[in-house]
Amino acid sequence: MEPDEKLMRSIEEQIGITENAKKAFREEIMIRISTLARKGAKFDYTSHDRLREAIEKKLFADLKNVVKITTSTRTPDPEQNKRIDEVVRRLTEENGYCECCANELLRYVGTLLSR
């Protein structure tokens, strides 16, 4: 599978990685992966602070509009309810949250984004 250049750039841009600096950033990550592998440890996105920050910023940016809908409207219209229900469904089915926790997470993220 070919890498998704558009996705990688959108993540890198979250922490100011320029087009010219992307190769060095990606090599830095590969070195971290190799170092951990030699030690018998697994790499995940939290193993690299800058990558973790970039991915979290990208996720927050992508969810910002959805979260605003869930937190800014006391009486959402049917379309807003549909979007909220879809986010809750994905959090429960794909990420193991209970429905109560999924709704709480949306409220929490909404307060973070409104700061």
Protein backbone atom coordinates (compact mmCIF):
# COMPACT_ATOMS: atom_id res chain seq x y z
CA MET A 1 0.00 0.00 0.00
CA GLU A 2 1.34 3.40 -0.96
CA PRO A 3 1.60 6.03 1.79
CA ASP A 4 -1.11 8.68 1.87
CA GLU A 5 1.00 11.78 1.22
CA LYS A 6 -1.93 14.15 1.66
CA LEU A 7 -2.75 12.71 5.09
CA MET A 8 0.89 12.70 6.20
CA ARG A 9 1.32 16.34 5.17
CA SER A 10 -1.89 17.38 6.93
CA ILE A 11 -0.55 15.81 10.13
CA GLU A 12 2.94 17.27 9.75
CA GLU A 13 1.57 20.74 9.11
CA GLN A 14 -0.12 20.68 12.53
CA ILE A 15 3.29 21.11 14.15
CA GLY A 16 4.87 23.34 11.52
CA ILE A 17 6.79 20.74 9.53
CA THR A 18 7.47 22.39 6.18
CA GLU A 19 7.59 20.64 2.83
CA ASN A 20 11.38 20.94 2.95
CA ALA A 21 11.60 19.46 6.47
CA LYS A 22 9.24 16.52 5.97
CA LYS A 23 11.98 14.08 4.93
CA ALA A 24 14.02 14.76 8.09
CA PHE A 25 10.92 14.45 10.29
CA ARG A 26 9.96 11.13 8.72
CA GLU A 27 13.51 9.83 9.04
CA GLU A 28 13.47 10.82 12.72
CA ILE A 29 10.36 8.71 13.21
CA MET A 30 11.89 5.76 11.35
CA ILE A 31 14.98 5.95 13.57
CA ARG A 32 12.73 5.84 16.65
CA ILE A 33 10.88 2.82 15.25
CA SER A 34 14.18 1.03 14.56
CA THR A 35 15.58 1.85 18.00
CA LEU A 36 12.50 0.51 19.75
CA ALA A 37 12.43 -2.60 17.55
CA ARG A 38 16.04 -3.42 18.44
CA LYS A 39 15.04 -3.21 22.12
CA GLY A 40 12.06 -5.48 21.51
CA ALA A 41 9.59 -2.64 22.13
CA LYS A 42 6.70 -1.66 19.91
CA PHE A 43 6.26 1.78 18.40
CA ASP A 44 2.99 3.64 18.60
CA TYR A 45 2.27 7.28 17.94
CA THR A 46 2.83 8.17 21.61
CA SER A 47 6.40 6.88 21.36
CA HIS A 48 7.39 10.09 19.58
CA ASP A 49 6.33 13.34 21.28
CA ARG A 50 6.17 15.51 18.16
CA LEU A 51 4.26 12.87 16.21
CA ARG A 52 1.83 12.44 19.12
CA GLU A 53 1.28 16.20 19.25
CA ALA A 54 0.74 16.40 15.48
CA ILE A 55 -1.74 13.53 15.39
CA GLU A 56 -3.70 14.84 18.36
CA LYS A 57 -3.89 18.32 16.83
CA LYS A 58 -5.04 16.83 13.54
CA LEU A 59 -7.74 14.78 15.26
CA PHE A 60 -8.95 17.79 17.23
CA ALA A 61 -9.00 19.90 14.07
CA ASP A 62 -10.96 17.24 12.19
CA LEU A 63 -13.47 16.82 15.02
CA LYS A 64 -13.84 20.51 15.79
CA ASN A 65 -17.00 21.05 13.72
CA VAL A 66 -18.66 17.89 14.97
CA VAL A 67 -17.83 18.69 18.58
CA LYS A 68 -19.08 22.26 18.22
CA ILE A 69 -22.41 20.88 17.09
CA THR A 70 -22.62 18.56 20.08
CA THR A 71 -21.71 21.19 22.65
CA SER A 72 -23.05 24.49 21.33
CA THR A 73 -26.65 23.57 20.64
CA ARG A 74 -29.04 22.91 23.51
CA THR A 75 -31.76 21.71 21.17
CA PRO A 76 -30.07 20.28 18.06
CA ASP A 77 -32.05 19.93 14.86
CA PRO A 78 -32.52 16.48 13.26
CA GLU A 79 -29.37 16.83 11.10
CA GLN A 80 -27.26 17.77 14.13
CA ASN A 81 -28.73 14.85 16.09
CA LYS A 82 -27.80 12.55 13.22
CA ARG A 83 -24.17 13.75 13.34
CA ILE A 84 -24.01 13.44 17.12
CA ASP A 85 -25.46 9.92 16.98
CA GLU A 86 -22.90 8.92 14.35
CA VAL A 87 -19.98 10.14 16.49
CA VAL A 88 -21.37 8.34 19.54
CA ARG A 89 -21.92 5.18 17.47
CA ARG A 90 -18.33 5.22 16.23
CA LEU A 91 -16.96 5.83 19.70
CA THR A 92 -18.95 2.91 21.09
CA GLU A 93 -18.61 0.39 18.25
CA GLU A 94 -15.11 1.16 17.06
CA ASN A 95 -13.40 2.39 20.23
CA GLY A 96 -15.11 0.51 23.04
CA TYR A 97 -16.73 3.44 24.85
CA CYS A 98 -20.07 3.01 26.55
CA GLU A 99 -22.71 5.46 25.35
CA CYS A 100 -22.52 7.56 28.53
CA CYS A 101 -18.72 7.84 28.29
CA ALA A 102 -18.89 8.69 24.58
CA ASN A 103 -21.24 11.59 25.29
CA GLU A 104 -19.06 12.73 28.19
CA LEU A 105 -16.00 12.64 25.94
CA LEU A 106 -17.75 14.86 23.39
CA ARG A 107 -18.61 17.39 26.10
CA TYR A 108 -15.03 17.32 27.44
CA VAL A 109 -13.45 17.79 24.02
CA GLY A 110 -15.91 20.60 23.36
CA THR A 111 -14.74 22.44 26.47
CA LEU A 112 -11.10 22.01 25.37
CA LEU A 113 -11.84 23.40 21.94
CA SER A 114 -13.78 26.36 23.28
CA ARG A 115 -10.81 27.62 25.32
